[in-house]
Amino acid sequence: MTFDGGSVPDAVPHPARVSRRAVLGAGAWTLPVVALAVAAPRASASTGEPSFTTLAPLTVGGEPDSLVFPLLMSEVPAQPASEDGDFVGLLVVLCLPEGLEVTGASSGDGVGWAFTDGSAGFEGGEVFVFNATAITAGYSGTLLITIAQAPAAGLHGELGADVVLGSTGDFAEIAWTYAYPDPTGPTLPNCAAA
Protein backbone atom coordinates (compact mmCIF):
# COMPACT_ATOMS: atom_id res chain seq x y z
CA MET A 1 0.00 0.00 0.00
CA THR A 2 1.31 3.43 -0.81
CA PHE A 3 0.50 6.77 0.73
CA ASP A 4 -2.80 8.33 -0.24
CA GLY A 5 -1.39 11.85 -0.27
CA GLY A 6 -2.97 12.85 3.05
CA SER A 7 -0.99 15.00 5.41
CA VAL A 8 -0.88 15.56 9.14
CA PRO A 9 -0.07 18.82 11.00
CA ASP A 10 3.12 19.07 13.08
CA ALA A 11 1.56 19.24 16.57
CA VAL A 12 1.92 15.95 18.42
CA PRO A 13 -0.17 15.23 21.57
CA HIS A 14 0.57 12.46 24.06
CA PRO A 15 -1.24 9.26 22.93
CA ALA A 16 -2.67 8.50 26.36
CA ARG A 17 -4.84 11.61 26.06
CA VAL A 18 -6.03 11.32 22.47
CA SER A 19 -7.95 9.02 20.17
CA ARG A 20 -6.57 7.29 17.09
CA ARG A 21 -8.21 9.86 14.83
CA ALA A 22 -6.78 12.70 16.91
CA VAL A 23 -3.34 11.15 16.57
CA LEU A 24 -3.69 11.16 12.80
CA GLY A 25 -4.86 14.73 12.96
CA ALA A 26 -1.87 15.69 15.05
CA GLY A 27 0.85 13.42 13.69
CA ALA A 28 1.66 11.26 16.73
CA TRP A 29 3.06 7.71 16.69
CA THR A 30 4.45 4.83 18.86
CA LEU A 31 4.39 0.97 19.27
CA PRO A 32 6.52 -2.02 20.37
CA VAL A 33 8.07 -4.54 18.04
CA VAL A 34 8.93 -8.24 18.47
CA ALA A 35 12.51 -9.47 18.08
CA LEU A 36 12.32 -11.57 14.94
CA ALA A 37 14.28 -11.01 11.75
CA VAL A 38 12.52 -11.24 8.40
CA ALA A 39 14.12 -10.08 5.18
CA ALA A 40 12.09 -7.64 3.14
CA PRO A 41 12.00 -8.44 -0.57
CA ARG A 42 13.51 -5.79 -2.83
CA ALA A 43 11.23 -4.19 -5.37
CA SER A 44 12.32 -4.65 -8.96
CA ALA A 45 11.84 -0.96 -9.69
CA SER A 46 12.08 1.84 -7.15
CA THR A 47 9.27 4.39 -7.21
CA GLY A 48 10.81 6.73 -4.65
CA GLU A 49 7.47 6.73 -2.81
CA PRO A 50 7.17 5.06 0.61
CA SER A 51 5.07 1.90 0.63
CA PHE A 52 3.67 -0.33 3.36
CA THR A 53 2.49 -3.89 2.72
CA THR A 54 0.97 -6.25 5.26
CA LEU A 55 1.71 -9.98 5.13
CA ALA A 56 -0.29 -12.84 6.63
CA PRO A 57 0.31 -13.13 10.39
CA LEU A 58 2.74 -15.84 11.52
CA THR A 59 2.55 -18.16 14.50
CA VAL A 60 5.17 -17.72 17.22
CA GLY A 61 6.94 -21.00 17.95
CA GLY A 62 4.74 -23.05 20.25
CA GLU A 63 2.69 -20.04 21.38
CA PRO A 64 -0.89 -20.73 20.23
CA ASP A 65 -2.16 -17.45 21.66
CA SER A 66 0.36 -15.18 19.87
CA LEU A 67 0.73 -14.07 16.26
CA VAL A 68 3.36 -11.89 14.57
CA PHE A 69 1.89 -9.27 12.20
CA PRO A 70 4.54 -8.39 9.55
CA LEU A 71 4.61 -4.97 7.89
CA LEU A 72 6.94 -4.60 4.89
CA MET A 73 8.20 -1.05 4.47
CA SER A 74 10.16 0.38 1.55
CA GLU A 75 11.42 3.77 0.39
CA VAL A 76 10.74 5.29 3.83
CA PRO A 77 12.24 8.79 4.06
CA ALA A 78 14.58 9.68 6.93
CA GLN A 79 12.74 9.73 10.27
CA PRO A 80 14.11 11.02 13.58
CA ALA A 81 13.88 8.83 16.66
CA SER A 82 10.69 9.14 18.71
CA GLU A 83 10.02 8.57 22.37
CA ASP A 84 6.83 8.17 24.36
CA GLY A 85 5.07 11.52 24.34
CA ASP A 86 7.26 12.95 21.54
CA PHE A 87 6.34 11.14 18.32
CA VAL A 88 8.32 12.67 15.47
CA GLY A 89 9.22 9.60 13.38
CA LEU A 90 7.31 6.66 11.93
CA LEU A 91 4.15 5.76 13.84
CA VAL A 92 1.83 2.76 13.48
CA VAL A 93 -1.49 3.42 15.22
CA LEU A 94 -3.25 0.12 15.96
CA CYS A 95 -6.88 -0.11 16.96
CA LEU A 96 -7.15 -3.35 18.95
CA PRO A 97 -10.53 -4.89 19.73
CA GLU A 98 -11.12 -6.33 23.19
CA GLY A 99 -9.35 -9.66 23.60
CA LEU A 100 -6.05 -8.63 21.95
CA GLU A 101 -2.85 -7.20 23.46
CA VAL A 102 0.42 -6.03 21.85
CA THR A 103 3.36 -7.81 23.47
CA GLY A 104 6.29 -6.84 21.24
CA ALA A 105 7.67 -5.00 18.21
CA SER A 106 11.01 -5.36 16.36
CA SER A 107 12.66 -5.51 12.97
CA GLY A 108 16.00 -7.27 13.52
CA ASP A 109 17.78 -4.76 11.25
CA GLY A 110 19.17 -2.23 13.71
CA VAL A 111 16.09 0.03 13.91
CA GLY A 112 14.77 0.04 17.46
CA TRP A 113 11.00 -0.05 17.99
CA ALA A 114 8.80 0.63 21.02
CA PHE A 115 5.08 0.73 21.80
CA THR A 116 2.64 2.20 24.26
CA ASP A 117 0.88 -0.21 26.57
CA GLY A 118 -2.65 0.79 25.57
CA SER A 119 -4.02 -2.75 25.36
CA ALA A 120 -2.75 -4.27 28.61
CA GLY A 121 -5.03 -6.88 30.12
CA PHE A 122 -6.63 -7.70 26.75
CA GLU A 123 -8.93 -4.69 27.14
CA GLY A 124 -8.37 -3.52 23.57
CA GLY A 125 -7.88 0.11 22.62
CA GLU A 126 -5.31 2.14 20.76
CA VAL A 127 -1.66 1.15 20.76
CA PHE A 128 1.08 3.26 19.22
CA VAL A 129 4.20 1.60 17.74
CA PHE A 130 7.10 3.95 16.93
CA ASN A 131 10.76 3.99 15.91
CA ALA A 132 12.91 4.51 19.01
CA THR A 133 16.04 5.00 16.86
CA ALA A 134 16.48 7.11 13.74
CA ILE A 135 15.56 5.72 10.32
CA THR A 136 17.85 6.58 7.39
CA ALA A 137 16.51 7.80 4.04
CA GLY A 138 15.36 5.04 1.69
CA TYR A 139 14.83 2.56 4.54
CA SER A 140 13.38 -0.83 3.64
CA GLY A 141 12.65 -3.42 6.30
CA THR A 142 10.04 -5.53 8.02
CA LEU A 143 8.39 -4.44 11.25
CA LEU A 144 7.14 -7.40 13.29
CA ILE A 145 4.36 -6.65 15.77
CA THR A 146 3.51 -9.46 18.19
CA ILE A 147 -0.09 -9.54 19.37
CA ALA A 148 -1.48 -12.03 21.89
CA GLN A 149 -5.11 -13.03 22.30
CA ALA A 150 -6.79 -13.73 25.62
CA PRO A 151 -5.94 -17.39 26.45
CA ALA A 152 -7.72 -19.90 24.19
CA ALA A 153 -10.15 -17.28 22.87
CA GLY A 154 -10.06 -18.49 19.23
CA LEU A 155 -10.30 -14.95 17.87
CA HIS A 156 -10.26 -13.98 14.19
CA GLY A 157 -11.08 -10.96 12.06
CA GLU A 158 -9.40 -7.95 10.48
CA LEU A 159 -6.90 -5.74 12.32
CA GLY A 160 -6.61 -2.20 11.02
CA ALA A 161 -3.98 0.47 11.58
CA ASP A 162 -2.71 3.78 10.25
CA VAL A 163 0.95 4.46 9.40
CA VAL A 164 2.07 8.07 9.85
CA LEU A 165 5.39 9.59 8.77
CA GLY A 166 6.37 12.44 11.05
CA SER A 167 8.89 13.96 8.63
CA THR A 168 6.26 14.49 5.90
CA GLY A 169 2.90 14.12 7.65
CA ASP A 170 1.85 11.50 5.07
CA PHE A 171 -0.24 8.56 6.20
CA ALA A 172 -1.58 5.23 4.92
CA GLU A 173 -4.31 2.88 6.13
CA ILE A 174 -3.33 -0.79 6.43
CA ALA A 175 -5.03 -4.01 7.59
CA TRP A 176 -4.29 -7.66 8.29
CA THR A 177 -6.75 -10.58 8.15
CA TYR A 178 -5.95 -13.00 10.97
CA ALA A 179 -7.11 -16.14 12.78
CA TYR A 180 -5.61 -17.55 15.95
CA PRO A 181 -5.53 -21.37 16.20
CA ASP A 182 -8.97 -22.95 16.59
CA PRO A 183 -10.85 -19.80 15.47
CA THR A 184 -14.12 -20.68 17.18
CA GLY A 185 -14.39 -17.40 19.07
CA PRO A 186 -16.08 -14.28 17.77
CA THR A 187 -15.08 -12.49 14.57
CA LEU A 188 -13.60 -9.20 15.74
CA PRO A 189 -14.34 -6.02 13.78
CA ASN A 190 -11.75 -3.71 12.26
CA CYS A 191 -12.21 -0.81 14.68
CA ALA A 192 -9.73 1.30 12.69
CA ALA A 193 -12.20 1.35 9.79
CA ALA A 194 -14.94 2.86 11.98
C-alpha atoms as a PDB file:
ATOM      1  CA  MET A   1       0.000   0.000   0.000  1.00  0.00           C
ATOM      2  CA  THR A   2       1.309   3.435  -0.814  1.00  0.00           C
ATOM      3  CA  PHE A   3       0.498   6.769   0.728  1.00  0.00           C
ATOM      4  CA  ASP A   4      -2.802   8.330  -0.237  1.00  0.00           C
ATOM      5  CA  GLY A   5      -1.386  11.852  -0.265  1.00  0.00           C
ATOM      6  CA  GLY A   6      -2.966  12.849   3.048  1.00  0.00           C
ATOM      7  CA  SER A   7      -0.990  15.000   5.409  1.00  0.00           C
ATOM      8  CA  VAL A   8      -0.879  15.563   9.138  1.00  0.00           C
ATOM      9  CA  PRO A   9      -0.071  18.820  11.004  1.00  0.00           C
ATOM     10  CA  ASP A  10       3.118  19.074  13.076  1.00  0.00           C
ATOM     11  CA  ALA A  11       1.558  19.245  16.574  1.00  0.00           C
ATOM     12  CA  VAL A  12       1.918  15.953  18.421  1.00  0.00           C
ATOM     13  CA  PRO A  13      -0.169  15.230  21.568  1.00  0.00           C
ATOM     14  CA  HIS A  14       0.572  12.464  24.056  1.00  0.00           C
ATOM     15  CA  PRO A  15      -1.238   9.256  22.928  1.00  0.00           C
ATOM     16  CA  ALA A  16      -2.670   8.496  26.363  1.00  0.00           C
ATOM     17  CA  ARG A  17      -4.841  11.605  26.061  1.00  0.00           C
ATOM     18  CA  VAL A  18      -6.025  11.324  22.472  1.00  0.00           C
ATOM     19  CA  SER A  19      -7.949   9.021  20.169  1.00  0.00           C
ATOM     20  CA  ARG A  20      -6.572   7.285  17.094  1.00  0.00           C
ATOM     21  CA  ARG A  21      -8.212   9.859  14.830  1.00  0.00           C
ATOM     22  CA  ALA A  22      -6.780  12.704  16.911  1.00  0.00           C
ATOM     23  CA  VAL A  23      -3.340  11.150  16.574  1.00  0.00           C
ATOM     24  CA  LEU A  24      -3.695  11.162  12.798  1.00  0.00           C
ATOM     25  CA  GLY A  25      -4.859  14.732  12.960  1.00  0.00           C
ATOM     26  CA  ALA A  26      -1.866  15.693  15.054  1.00  0.00           C
ATOM     27  CA  GLY A  27       0.847  13.420  13.688  1.00  0.00           C
ATOM     28  CA  ALA A  28       1.665  11.260  16.735  1.00  0.00           C
ATOM     29  CA  TRP A  29       3.060   7.711  16.690  1.00  0.00           C
ATOM     30  CA  THR A  30       4.455   4.826  18.858  1.00  0.00           C
ATOM     31  CA  LEU A  31       4.389   0.975  19.272  1.00  0.00           C
ATOM     32  CA  PRO A  32       6.521  -2.025  20.370  1.00  0.00           C
ATOM     33  CA  VAL A  33       8.069  -4.540  18.043  1.00  0.00           C
ATOM     34  CA  VAL A  34       8.935  -8.237  18.471  1.00  0.00           C
ATOM     35  CA  ALA A  35      12.507  -9.465  18.082  1.00  0.00           C
ATOM     36  CA  LEU A  36      12.322 -11.575  14.940  1.00  0.00           C
ATOM     37  CA  ALA A  37      14.276 -11.006  11.754  1.00  0.00           C
ATOM     38  CA  VAL A  38      12.518 -11.241   8.401  1.00  0.00           C
ATOM     39  CA  ALA A  39      14.119 -10.082   5.183  1.00  0.00           C
ATOM     40  CA  ALA A  40      12.087  -7.637   3.139  1.00  0.00           C
ATOM     41  CA  PRO A  41      11.998  -8.437  -0.572  1.00  0.00           C
ATOM     42  CA  ARG A  42      13.512  -5.795  -2.827  1.00  0.00           C
ATOM     43  CA  ALA A  43      11.227  -4.190  -5.370  1.00  0.00           C
ATOM     44  CA  SER A  44      12.324  -4.646  -8.964  1.00  0.00           C
ATOM     45  CA  ALA A  45      11.838  -0.957  -9.693  1.00  0.00           C
ATOM     46  CA  SER A  46      12.078   1.840  -7.152  1.00  0.00           C
ATOM     47  CA  THR A  47       9.271   4.390  -7.209  1.00  0.00           C
ATOM     48  CA  GLY A  48      10.809   6.725  -4.652  1.00  0.00           C
ATOM     49  CA  GLU A  49       7.466   6.726  -2.807  1.00  0.00           C
ATOM     50  CA  PRO A  50       7.168   5.056   0.611  1.00  0.00           C
ATOM     51  CA  SER A  51       5.071   1.905   0.625  1.00  0.00           C
ATOM     52  CA  PHE A  52       3.672  -0.334   3.358  1.00  0.00           C
ATOM     53  CA  THR A  53       2.490  -3.889   2.718  1.00  0.00           C
ATOM     54  CA  THR A  54       0.969  -6.250   5.264  1.00  0.00           C
ATOM     55  CA  LEU A  55       1.712  -9.979   5.130  1.00  0.00           C
ATOM     56  CA  ALA A  56      -0.290 -12.838   6.633  1.00  0.00           C
ATOM     57  CA  PRO A  57       0.308 -13.133  10.391  1.00  0.00           C
ATOM     58  CA  LEU A  58       2.740 -15.842  11.517  1.00  0.00           C
ATOM     59  CA  THR A  59       2.545 -18.160  14.501  1.00  0.00           C
ATOM     60  CA  VAL A  60       5.174 -17.720  17.216  1.00  0.00           C
ATOM     61  CA  GLY A  61       6.936 -20.999  17.945  1.00  0.00           C
ATOM     62  CA  GLY A  62       4.736 -23.048  20.251  1.00  0.00           C
ATOM     63  CA  GLU A  63       2.691 -20.037  21.379  1.00  0.00           C
ATOM     64  CA  PRO A  64      -0.891 -20.731  20.231  1.00  0.00           C
ATOM     65  CA  ASP A  65      -2.162 -17.453  21.661  1.00  0.00           C
ATOM     66  CA  SER A  66       0.363 -15.179  19.870  1.00  0.00           C
ATOM     67  CA  LEU A  67       0.726 -14.069  16.257  1.00  0.00           C
ATOM     68  CA  VAL A  68       3.359 -11.888  14.573  1.00  0.00           C
ATOM     69  CA  PHE A  69       1.887  -9.271  12.205  1.00  0.00           C
ATOM     70  CA  PRO A  70       4.544  -8.388   9.548  1.00  0.00           C
ATOM     71  CA  LEU A  71       4.607  -4.965   7.893  1.00  0.00           C
ATOM     72  CA  LEU A  72       6.936  -4.598   4.893  1.00  0.00           C
ATOM     73  CA  MET A  73       8.204  -1.050   4.475  1.00  0.00           C
ATOM     74  CA  SER A  74      10.156   0.385   1.552  1.00  0.00           C
ATOM     75  CA  GLU A  75      11.417   3.771   0.388  1.00  0.00           C
ATOM     76  CA  VAL A  76      10.745   5.286   3.827  1.00  0.00           C
ATOM     77  CA  PRO A  77      12.245   8.789   4.064  1.00  0.00           C
ATOM     78  CA  ALA A  78      14.583   9.677   6.932  1.00  0.00           C
ATOM     79  CA  GLN A  79      12.737   9.727  10.273  1.00  0.00           C
ATOM     80  CA  PRO A  80      14.106  11.016  13.575  1.00  0.00           C
ATOM     81  CA  ALA A  81      13.875   8.826  16.660  1.00  0.00           C
ATOM     82  CA  SER A  82      10.691   9.137  18.708  1.00  0.00           C
ATOM     83  CA  GLU A  83      10.020   8.573  22.373  1.00  0.00           C
ATOM     84  CA  ASP A  84       6.832   8.167  24.360  1.00  0.00           C
ATOM     85  CA  GLY A  85       5.071  11.521  24.344  1.00  0.00           C
ATOM     86  CA  ASP A  86       7.260  12.953  21.542  1.00  0.00           C
ATOM     87  CA  PHE A  87       6.338  11.136  18.324  1.00  0.00           C
ATOM     88  CA  VAL A  88       8.322  12.672  15.468  1.00  0.00           C
ATOM     89  CA  GLY A  89       9.224   9.604  13.380  1.00  0.00           C
ATOM     90  CA  LEU A  90       7.311   6.655  11.930  1.00  0.00           C
ATOM     91  CA  LEU A  91       4.154   5.762  13.840  1.00  0.00           C
ATOM     92  CA  VAL A  92       1.832   2.761  13.481  1.00  0.00           C
ATOM     93  CA  VAL A  93      -1.488   3.415  15.216  1.00  0.00           C
ATOM     94  CA  LEU A  94      -3.249   0.121  15.958  1.00  0.00           C
ATOM     95  CA  CYS A  95      -6.884  -0.106  16.961  1.00  0.00           C
ATOM     96  CA  LEU A  96      -7.150  -3.352  18.950  1.00  0.00           C
ATOM     97  CA  PRO A  97     -10.528  -4.888  19.729  1.00  0.00           C
ATOM     98  CA  GLU A  98     -11.125  -6.327  23.192  1.00  0.00           C
ATOM     99  CA  GLY A  99      -9.347  -9.659  23.603  1.00  0.00           C
ATOM    100  CA  LEU A 100      -6.048  -8.634  21.953  1.00  0.00           C
ATOM    101  CA  GLU A 101      -2.848  -7.198  23.457  1.00  0.00           C
ATOM    102  CA  VAL A 102       0.419  -6.025  21.851  1.00  0.00           C
ATOM    103  CA  THR A 103       3.358  -7.810  23.468  1.00  0.00           C
ATOM    104  CA  GLY A 104       6.290  -6.838  21.238  1.00  0.00           C
ATOM    105  CA  ALA A 105       7.674  -5.001  18.208  1.00  0.00           C
ATOM    106  CA  SER A 106      11.007  -5.357  16.362  1.00  0.00           C
ATOM    107  CA  SER A 107      12.658  -5.514  12.971  1.00  0.00           C
ATOM    108  CA  GLY A 108      15.997  -7.269  13.520  1.00  0.00           C
ATOM    109  CA  ASP A 109      17.782  -4.764  11.252  1.00  0.00           C
ATOM    110  CA  GLY A 110      19.173  -2.229  13.712  1.00  0.00           C
ATOM    111  CA  VAL A 111      16.094   0.031  13.910  1.00  0.00           C
ATOM    112  CA  GLY A 112      14.767   0.039  17.464  1.00  0.00           C
ATOM    113  CA  TRP A 113      10.996  -0.052  17.986  1.00  0.00           C
ATOM    114  CA  ALA A 114       8.801   0.631  21.018  1.00  0.00           C
ATOM    115  CA  PHE A 115       5.078   0.734  21.800  1.00  0.00           C
ATOM    116  CA  THR A 116       2.636   2.199  24.258  1.00  0.00           C
ATOM    117  CA  ASP A 117       0.882  -0.206  26.572  1.00  0.00           C
ATOM    118  CA  GLY A 118      -2.651   0.787  25.574  1.00  0.00           C
ATOM    119  CA  SER A 119      -4.025  -2.747  25.356  1.00  0.00           C
ATOM    120  CA  ALA A 120      -2.746  -4.267  28.611  1.00  0.00           C
ATOM    121  CA  GLY A 121      -5.026  -6.877  30.117  1.00  0.00           C
ATOM    122  CA  PHE A 122      -6.632  -7.705  26.746  1.00  0.00           C
ATOM    123  CA  GLU A 123      -8.932  -4.686  27.144  1.00  0.00           C
ATOM    124  CA  GLY A 124      -8.365  -3.516  23.575  1.00  0.00           C
ATOM    125  CA  GLY A 125      -7.878   0.113  22.622  1.00  0.00           C
ATOM    126  CA  GLU A 126      -5.306   2.144  20.764  1.00  0.00           C
ATOM    127  CA  VAL A 127      -1.664   1.152  20.759  1.00  0.00           C
ATOM    128  CA  PHE A 128       1.082   3.261  19.217  1.00  0.00           C
ATOM    129  CA  VAL A 129       4.196   1.597  17.737  1.00  0.00           C
ATOM    130  CA  PHE A 130       7.096   3.946  16.930  1.00  0.00           C
ATOM    131  CA  ASN A 131      10.758   3.988  15.909  1.00  0.00           C
ATOM    132  CA  ALA A 132      12.911   4.514  19.005  1.00  0.00           C
ATOM    133  CA  THR A 133      16.043   5.002  16.864  1.00  0.00           C
ATOM    134  CA  ALA A 134      16.476   7.113  13.738  1.00  0.00           C
ATOM    135  CA  ILE A 135      15.556   5.717  10.319  1.00  0.00           C
ATOM    136  CA  THR A 136      17.849   6.576   7.390  1.00  0.00           C
ATOM    137  CA  ALA A 137      16.505   7.805   4.041  1.00  0.00           C
ATOM    138  CA  GLY A 138      15.364   5.042   1.685  1.00  0.00           C
ATOM    139  CA  TYR A 139      14.832   2.565   4.540  1.00  0.00           C
ATOM    140  CA  SER A 140      13.384  -0.828   3.636  1.00  0.00           C
ATOM    141  CA  GLY A 141      12.648  -3.419   6.295  1.00  0.00           C
ATOM    142  CA  THR A 142      10.037  -5.526   8.019  1.00  0.00           C
ATOM    143  CA  LEU A 143       8.395  -4.444  11.246  1.00  0.00           C
ATOM    144  CA  LEU A 144       7.139  -7.397  13.291  1.00  0.00           C
ATOM    145  CA  ILE A 145       4.362  -6.648  15.771  1.00  0.00           C
ATOM    146  CA  THR A 146       3.514  -9.465  18.191  1.00  0.00           C
ATOM    147  CA  ILE A 147      -0.086  -9.543  19.374  1.00  0.00           C
ATOM    148  CA  ALA A 148      -1.478 -12.025  21.888  1.00  0.00           C
ATOM    149  CA  GLN A 149      -5.107 -13.029  22.303  1.00  0.00           C
ATOM    150  CA  ALA A 150      -6.791 -13.728  25.622  1.00  0.00           C
ATOM    151  CA  PRO A 151      -5.938 -17.388  26.448  1.00  0.00           C
ATOM    152  CA  ALA A 152      -7.724 -19.905  24.187  1.00  0.00           C
ATOM    153  CA  ALA A 153     -10.153 -17.278  22.873  1.00  0.00           C
ATOM    154  CA  GLY A 154     -10.064 -18.494  19.234  1.00  0.00           C
ATOM    155  CA  LEU A 155     -10.297 -14.954  17.870  1.00  0.00           C
ATOM    156  CA  HIS A 156     -10.259 -13.984  14.190  1.00  0.00           C
ATOM    157  CA  GLY A 157     -11.078 -10.959  12.057  1.00  0.00           C
ATOM    158  CA  GLU A 158      -9.401  -7.948  10.479  1.00  0.00           C
ATOM    159  CA  LEU A 159      -6.901  -5.743  12.320  1.00  0.00           C
ATOM    160  CA  GLY A 160      -6.609  -2.196  11.020  1.00  0.00           C
ATOM    161  CA  ALA A 161      -3.980   0.465  11.584  1.00  0.00           C
ATOM    162  CA  ASP A 162      -2.706   3.775  10.255  1.00  0.00           C
ATOM    163  CA  VAL A 163       0.946   4.456   9.398  1.00  0.00           C
ATOM    164  CA  VAL A 164       2.068   8.073   9.850  1.00  0.00           C
ATOM    165  CA  LEU A 165       5.388   9.594   8.769  1.00  0.00           C
ATOM    166  CA  GLY A 166       6.369  12.437  11.053  1.00  0.00           C
ATOM    167  CA  SER A 167       8.889  13.956   8.628  1.00  0.00           C
ATOM    168  CA  THR A 168       6.264  14.487   5.902  1.00  0.00           C
ATOM    169  CA  GLY A 169       2.896  14.120   7.647  1.00  0.00           C
ATOM    170  CA  ASP A 170       1.854  11.498   5.072  1.00  0.00           C
ATOM    171  CA  PHE A 171      -0.244   8.562   6.205  1.00  0.00           C
ATOM    172  CA  ALA A 172      -1.580   5.230   4.919  1.00  0.00           C
ATOM    173  CA  GLU A 173      -4.308   2.878   6.126  1.00  0.00           C
ATOM    174  CA  ILE A 174      -3.325  -0.793   6.430  1.00  0.00           C
ATOM    175  CA  ALA A 175      -5.028  -4.005   7.590  1.00  0.00           C
ATOM    176  CA  TRP A 176      -4.287  -7.664   8.286  1.00  0.00           C
ATOM    177  CA  THR A 177      -6.750 -10.576   8.150  1.00  0.00           C
ATOM    178  CA  TYR A 178      -5.947 -13.004  10.971  1.00  0.00           C
ATOM    179  CA  ALA A 179      -7.113 -16.138  12.776  1.00  0.00           C
ATOM    180  CA  TYR A 180      -5.610 -17.546  15.948  1.00  0.00           C
ATOM    181  CA  PRO A 181      -5.532 -21.367  16.198  1.00  0.00           C
ATOM    182  CA  ASP A 182      -8.973 -22.948  16.586  1.00  0.00           C
ATOM    183  CA  PRO A 183     -10.849 -19.797  15.472  1.00  0.00           C
ATOM    184  CA  THR A 184     -14.117 -20.684  17.177  1.00  0.00           C
ATOM    185  CA  GLY A 185     -14.392 -17.400  19.067  1.00  0.00           C
ATOM    186  CA  PRO A 186     -16.082 -14.279  17.774  1.00  0.00           C
ATOM    187  CA  THR A 187     -15.076 -12.492  14.571  1.00  0.00           C
ATOM    188  CA  LEU A 188     -13.596  -9.201  15.741  1.00  0.00           C
ATOM    189  CA  PRO A 189     -14.342  -6.020  13.777  1.00  0.00           C
ATOM    190  CA  ASN A 190     -11.746  -3.706  12.261  1.00  0.00           C
ATOM    191  CA  CYS A 191     -12.211  -0.806  14.681  1.00  0.00           C
ATOM    192  CA  ALA A 192      -9.734   1.302  12.692  1.00  0.00           C
ATOM    193  CA  ALA A 193     -12.198   1.350   9.792  1.00  0.00           C
ATOM    194  CA  ALA A 194     -14.945   2.856  11.977  1.00  0.00           C
END
